[in-house]
Amino acid sequence: MSNFLLRLYIAGRSATSQRAQSNLYALRSLIGPEWRVEIVDVLSEPELAEQAGILATPTLSYEHPERPRRIIGDLSDAKRVVEFLGIEVKEKYA
């Protein structure tokens, strides 16, 4: 099991939520398949959003034990997202 986890919090099937999901899967192609990805719909599972302190959607959370990070938005600028999260882009995926 991978120690790398990206969790995307979305609100239902809105256009912004769907765009963020698509962009997350495109982002995954840059960082490699060893990353786990979870999608949490805050409308279906509000308790998970509350526990995580999510105030806006879509929010991408990098669940790292030493330096967790979050970014809000539709993730359309993949290079900026990986830079902010401090994730190394895999050469063969770039």
N, C-alpha and C. Protein backbone atom coordinates (compact mmCIF):
# COMPACT_ATOMS: atom_id res chain seq x y z
N MET A 1 0.84 -1.20 0.00
CA MET A 1 0.00 0.00 0.00
C MET A 1 0.87 1.24 0.00
N SER A 2 0.48 2.22 -0.77
CA SER A 2 1.22 3.46 -0.90
C SER A 2 1.04 4.34 0.33
N ASN A 3 2.09 5.07 0.67
CA ASN A 3 2.00 6.06 1.74
C ASN A 3 1.57 7.41 1.21
N PHE A 4 1.46 7.52 -0.12
CA PHE A 4 1.12 8.78 -0.75
C PHE A 4 -0.38 8.83 -1.00
N LEU A 5 -1.04 9.84 -0.42
CA LEU A 5 -2.49 9.93 -0.56
C LEU A 5 -2.89 11.35 -0.90
N LEU A 6 -3.66 11.48 -1.97
CA LEU A 6 -4.30 12.74 -2.32
C LEU A 6 -5.79 12.53 -2.15
N ARG A 7 -6.42 13.41 -1.38
CA ARG A 7 -7.87 13.30 -1.15
C ARG A 7 -8.53 14.57 -1.67
N LEU A 8 -9.46 14.38 -2.58
CA LEU A 8 -10.18 15.50 -3.18
C LEU A 8 -11.57 15.57 -2.58
N TYR A 9 -11.88 16.71 -1.99
CA TYR A 9 -13.21 16.97 -1.43
C TYR A 9 -14.00 17.76 -2.46
N ILE A 10 -15.15 17.23 -2.84
CA ILE A 10 -16.00 17.88 -3.84
C ILE A 10 -17.41 18.01 -3.27
N ALA A 11 -18.24 18.79 -3.96
CA ALA A 11 -19.64 18.96 -3.56
C ALA A 11 -20.53 18.50 -4.70
N GLY A 12 -20.91 17.25 -4.66
CA GLY A 12 -21.85 16.72 -5.65
C GLY A 12 -21.26 16.62 -7.05
N ARG A 13 -22.14 16.72 -8.04
CA ARG A 13 -21.76 16.55 -9.45
C ARG A 13 -21.72 17.89 -10.19
N SER A 14 -21.37 18.94 -9.49
CA SER A 14 -21.31 20.25 -10.14
C SER A 14 -20.21 20.26 -11.20
N ALA A 15 -20.28 21.24 -12.08
CA ALA A 15 -19.28 21.35 -13.14
C ALA A 15 -17.88 21.54 -12.55
N THR A 16 -17.78 22.32 -11.50
CA THR A 16 -16.48 22.55 -10.87
C THR A 16 -15.95 21.27 -10.24
N SER A 17 -16.83 20.51 -9.61
CA SER A 17 -16.42 19.23 -9.01
C SER A 17 -15.93 18.26 -10.07
N GLN A 18 -16.66 18.16 -11.16
CA GLN A 18 -16.27 17.25 -12.24
C GLN A 18 -14.96 17.67 -12.88
N ARG A 19 -14.77 18.98 -13.05
CA ARG A 19 -13.53 19.50 -13.63
C ARG A 19 -12.35 19.19 -12.70
N ALA A 20 -12.54 19.36 -11.40
CA ALA A 20 -11.48 19.07 -10.44
C ALA A 20 -11.12 17.58 -10.47
N GLN A 21 -12.11 16.72 -10.57
CA GLN A 21 -11.85 15.28 -10.65
C GLN A 21 -11.05 14.95 -11.90
N SER A 22 -11.45 15.48 -13.03
CA SER A 22 -10.73 15.23 -14.29
C SER A 22 -9.30 15.73 -14.20
N ASN A 23 -9.13 16.91 -13.65
CA ASN A 23 -7.79 17.48 -13.52
C ASN A 23 -6.93 16.68 -12.54
N LEU A 24 -7.55 16.13 -11.51
CA LEU A 24 -6.81 15.30 -10.56
C LEU A 24 -6.28 14.04 -11.24
N TYR A 25 -7.09 13.42 -12.07
CA TYR A 25 -6.63 12.22 -12.77
C TYR A 25 -5.54 12.56 -13.79
N ALA A 26 -5.61 13.72 -14.40
CA ALA A 26 -4.54 14.16 -15.29
C ALA A 26 -3.26 14.43 -14.48
N LEU A 27 -3.43 15.02 -13.32
CA LEU A 27 -2.30 15.28 -12.41
C LEU A 27 -1.63 13.97 -12.00
N ARG A 28 -2.44 12.98 -11.76
CA ARG A 28 -1.90 11.68 -11.35
C ARG A 28 -0.97 11.11 -12.41
N SER A 29 -1.23 11.40 -13.67
CA SER A 29 -0.36 10.91 -14.74
C SER A 29 1.01 11.58 -14.67
N LEU A 30 1.11 12.74 -14.04
CA LEU A 30 2.39 13.42 -13.88
C LEU A 30 3.19 12.88 -12.70
N ILE A 31 2.51 12.39 -11.68
CA ILE A 31 3.21 12.02 -10.45
C ILE A 31 3.39 10.51 -10.29
N GLY A 32 2.71 9.73 -11.10
CA GLY A 32 2.91 8.29 -11.07
C GLY A 32 1.79 7.53 -10.40
N PRO A 33 1.71 6.26 -10.71
CA PRO A 33 0.60 5.42 -10.23
C PRO A 33 0.70 5.00 -8.77
N GLU A 34 1.84 5.25 -8.13
CA GLU A 34 1.96 4.83 -6.73
C GLU A 34 1.15 5.71 -5.77
N TRP A 35 0.62 6.80 -6.28
CA TRP A 35 -0.20 7.68 -5.46
C TRP A 35 -1.63 7.15 -5.38
N ARG A 36 -2.15 7.09 -4.16
CA ARG A 36 -3.56 6.75 -3.97
C ARG A 36 -4.36 8.03 -4.07
N VAL A 37 -5.55 7.91 -4.65
CA VAL A 37 -6.44 9.05 -4.79
C VAL A 37 -7.80 8.66 -4.21
N GLU A 38 -8.33 9.52 -3.36
CA GLU A 38 -9.67 9.31 -2.81
C GLU A 38 -10.51 10.54 -3.13
N ILE A 39 -11.76 10.30 -3.45
CA ILE A 39 -12.71 11.38 -3.70
C ILE A 39 -13.75 11.33 -2.59
N VAL A 40 -13.96 12.47 -1.93
CA VAL A 40 -14.96 12.56 -0.87
C VAL A 40 -16.00 13.60 -1.28
N ASP A 41 -17.23 13.16 -1.42
CA ASP A 41 -18.33 14.07 -1.72
C ASP A 41 -18.88 14.58 -0.39
N VAL A 42 -18.68 15.86 -0.13
CA VAL A 42 -19.07 16.42 1.16
C VAL A 42 -20.58 16.47 1.34
N LEU A 43 -21.33 16.36 0.25
CA LEU A 43 -22.79 16.32 0.37
C LEU A 43 -23.25 14.95 0.86
N SER A 44 -22.53 13.91 0.47
CA SER A 44 -22.86 12.54 0.89
C SER A 44 -22.24 12.18 2.23
N GLU A 45 -21.05 12.76 2.50
CA GLU A 45 -20.33 12.43 3.72
C GLU A 45 -19.86 13.70 4.44
N PRO A 46 -20.81 14.49 4.93
CA PRO A 46 -20.45 15.76 5.57
C PRO A 46 -19.59 15.59 6.81
N GLU A 47 -19.73 14.46 7.49
CA GLU A 47 -18.94 14.25 8.71
C GLU A 47 -17.44 14.15 8.40
N LEU A 48 -17.08 13.59 7.24
CA LEU A 48 -15.67 13.51 6.85
C LEU A 48 -15.11 14.90 6.56
N ALA A 49 -15.90 15.73 5.92
CA ALA A 49 -15.47 17.10 5.65
C ALA A 49 -15.32 17.88 6.94
N GLU A 50 -16.23 17.68 7.85
CA GLU A 50 -16.16 18.37 9.14
C GLU A 50 -14.93 17.94 9.92
N GLN A 51 -14.69 16.64 9.98
CA GLN A 51 -13.50 16.12 10.69
C GLN A 51 -12.21 16.69 10.11
N ALA A 52 -12.18 16.85 8.78
CA ALA A 52 -10.98 17.35 8.11
C ALA A 52 -10.89 18.87 8.12
N GLY A 53 -11.96 19.54 8.54
CA GLY A 53 -11.97 20.99 8.57
C GLY A 53 -12.06 21.63 7.19
N ILE A 54 -12.76 20.96 6.28
CA ILE A 54 -12.92 21.47 4.92
C ILE A 54 -14.00 22.54 4.91
N LEU A 55 -13.64 23.73 4.44
CA LEU A 55 -14.58 24.85 4.41
C LEU A 55 -15.02 25.23 3.01
N ALA A 56 -14.28 24.77 2.00
CA ALA A 56 -14.60 25.12 0.61
C ALA A 56 -14.32 23.91 -0.27
N THR A 57 -15.03 23.83 -1.38
CA THR A 57 -14.78 22.76 -2.35
C THR A 57 -14.65 23.37 -3.73
N PRO A 58 -13.93 22.73 -4.61
CA PRO A 58 -13.13 21.54 -4.37
C PRO A 58 -11.82 21.88 -3.62
N THR A 59 -11.43 20.98 -2.74
CA THR A 59 -10.18 21.09 -2.00
C THR A 59 -9.40 19.80 -2.17
N LEU A 60 -8.15 19.93 -2.56
CA LEU A 60 -7.26 18.78 -2.65
C LEU A 60 -6.37 18.78 -1.43
N SER A 61 -6.36 17.66 -0.73
CA SER A 61 -5.57 17.51 0.47
C SER A 61 -4.48 16.48 0.24
N TYR A 62 -3.25 16.87 0.51
CA TYR A 62 -2.11 15.97 0.45
C TYR A 62 -1.90 15.47 1.86
N GLU A 63 -2.27 14.22 2.10
CA GLU A 63 -2.23 13.64 3.44
C GLU A 63 -0.84 13.11 3.75
N HIS A 64 0.04 14.01 4.14
CA HIS A 64 1.42 13.67 4.47
C HIS A 64 1.58 13.80 5.98
N PRO A 65 2.19 12.80 6.65
CA PRO A 65 2.28 12.84 8.10
C PRO A 65 3.10 14.01 8.66
N GLU A 66 4.10 14.45 7.92
CA GLU A 66 4.96 15.52 8.42
C GLU A 66 4.58 16.91 7.91
N ARG A 67 4.07 16.97 6.70
CA ARG A 67 3.69 18.28 6.16
C ARG A 67 2.48 18.17 5.24
N PRO A 68 1.32 18.02 5.85
CA PRO A 68 0.10 17.98 5.03
C PRO A 68 -0.13 19.34 4.38
N ARG A 69 -0.73 19.31 3.21
CA ARG A 69 -1.02 20.55 2.49
C ARG A 69 -2.38 20.46 1.84
N ARG A 70 -2.96 21.63 1.58
CA ARG A 70 -4.26 21.70 0.90
C ARG A 70 -4.24 22.80 -0.14
N ILE A 71 -4.98 22.53 -1.19
CA ILE A 71 -5.13 23.54 -2.23
C ILE A 71 -6.59 23.55 -2.67
N ILE A 72 -7.13 24.75 -2.81
CA ILE A 72 -8.53 24.92 -3.18
C ILE A 72 -8.62 25.34 -4.64
N GLY A 73 -9.53 24.75 -5.38
CA GLY A 73 -9.74 25.12 -6.77
C GLY A 73 -9.92 23.90 -7.64
N ASP A 74 -10.02 24.13 -8.95
CA ASP A 74 -10.31 23.03 -9.86
C ASP A 74 -9.06 22.30 -10.37
N LEU A 75 -7.88 22.69 -9.86
CA LEU A 75 -6.62 21.99 -10.15
C LEU A 75 -6.22 22.10 -11.62
N SER A 76 -6.64 23.15 -12.29
CA SER A 76 -6.40 23.26 -13.73
C SER A 76 -4.94 23.51 -14.08
N ASP A 77 -4.15 24.06 -13.17
CA ASP A 77 -2.74 24.30 -13.44
C ASP A 77 -1.92 23.23 -12.72
N ALA A 78 -1.75 22.09 -13.38
CA ALA A 78 -1.12 20.91 -12.76
C ALA A 78 0.29 21.19 -12.26
N LYS A 79 1.07 21.89 -13.02
CA LYS A 79 2.45 22.17 -12.61
C LYS A 79 2.47 23.01 -11.33
N ARG A 80 1.59 23.97 -11.25
CA ARG A 80 1.52 24.81 -10.05
C ARG A 80 1.04 23.99 -8.84
N VAL A 81 0.11 23.09 -9.06
CA VAL A 81 -0.40 22.24 -7.98
C VAL A 81 0.72 21.37 -7.42
N VAL A 82 1.45 20.66 -8.29
CA VAL A 82 2.52 19.78 -7.78
C VAL A 82 3.63 20.59 -7.12
N GLU A 83 3.90 21.77 -7.64
CA GLU A 83 4.90 22.64 -7.03
C GLU A 83 4.48 23.05 -5.62
N PHE A 84 3.23 23.50 -5.48
CA PHE A 84 2.73 23.92 -4.17
C PHE A 84 2.73 22.76 -3.18
N LEU A 85 2.31 21.60 -3.64
CA LEU A 85 2.25 20.44 -2.74
C LEU A 85 3.62 19.85 -2.45
N GLY A 86 4.62 20.24 -3.24
CA GLY A 86 5.96 19.73 -3.03
C GLY A 86 6.12 18.30 -3.52
N ILE A 87 5.37 17.96 -4.58
CA ILE A 87 5.41 16.61 -5.13
C ILE A 87 6.34 16.60 -6.33
N GLU A 88 7.20 15.61 -6.37
CA GLU A 88 8.14 15.48 -7.48
C GLU A 88 7.45 14.86 -8.69
N VAL A 89 7.62 15.49 -9.84
CA VAL A 89 7.07 14.96 -11.08
C VAL A 89 7.98 13.84 -11.58
N LYS A 90 7.38 12.73 -11.93
CA LYS A 90 8.15 11.60 -12.44
C LYS A 90 8.54 11.87 -13.88
N GLU A 91 9.80 11.68 -14.19
CA GLU A 91 10.33 11.96 -15.54
C GLU A 91 9.54 11.24 -16.63
N LYS A 92 9.27 9.96 -16.45
CA LYS A 92 8.62 9.23 -17.51
C LYS A 92 7.16 9.63 -17.71
N TYR A 93 6.60 10.36 -16.73
CA TYR A 93 5.21 10.79 -16.83
C TYR A 93 5.10 12.23 -17.30
N ALA A 94 6.18 12.98 -17.24
CA ALA A 94 6.14 14.42 -17.59
C ALA A 94 5.96 14.64 -19.07
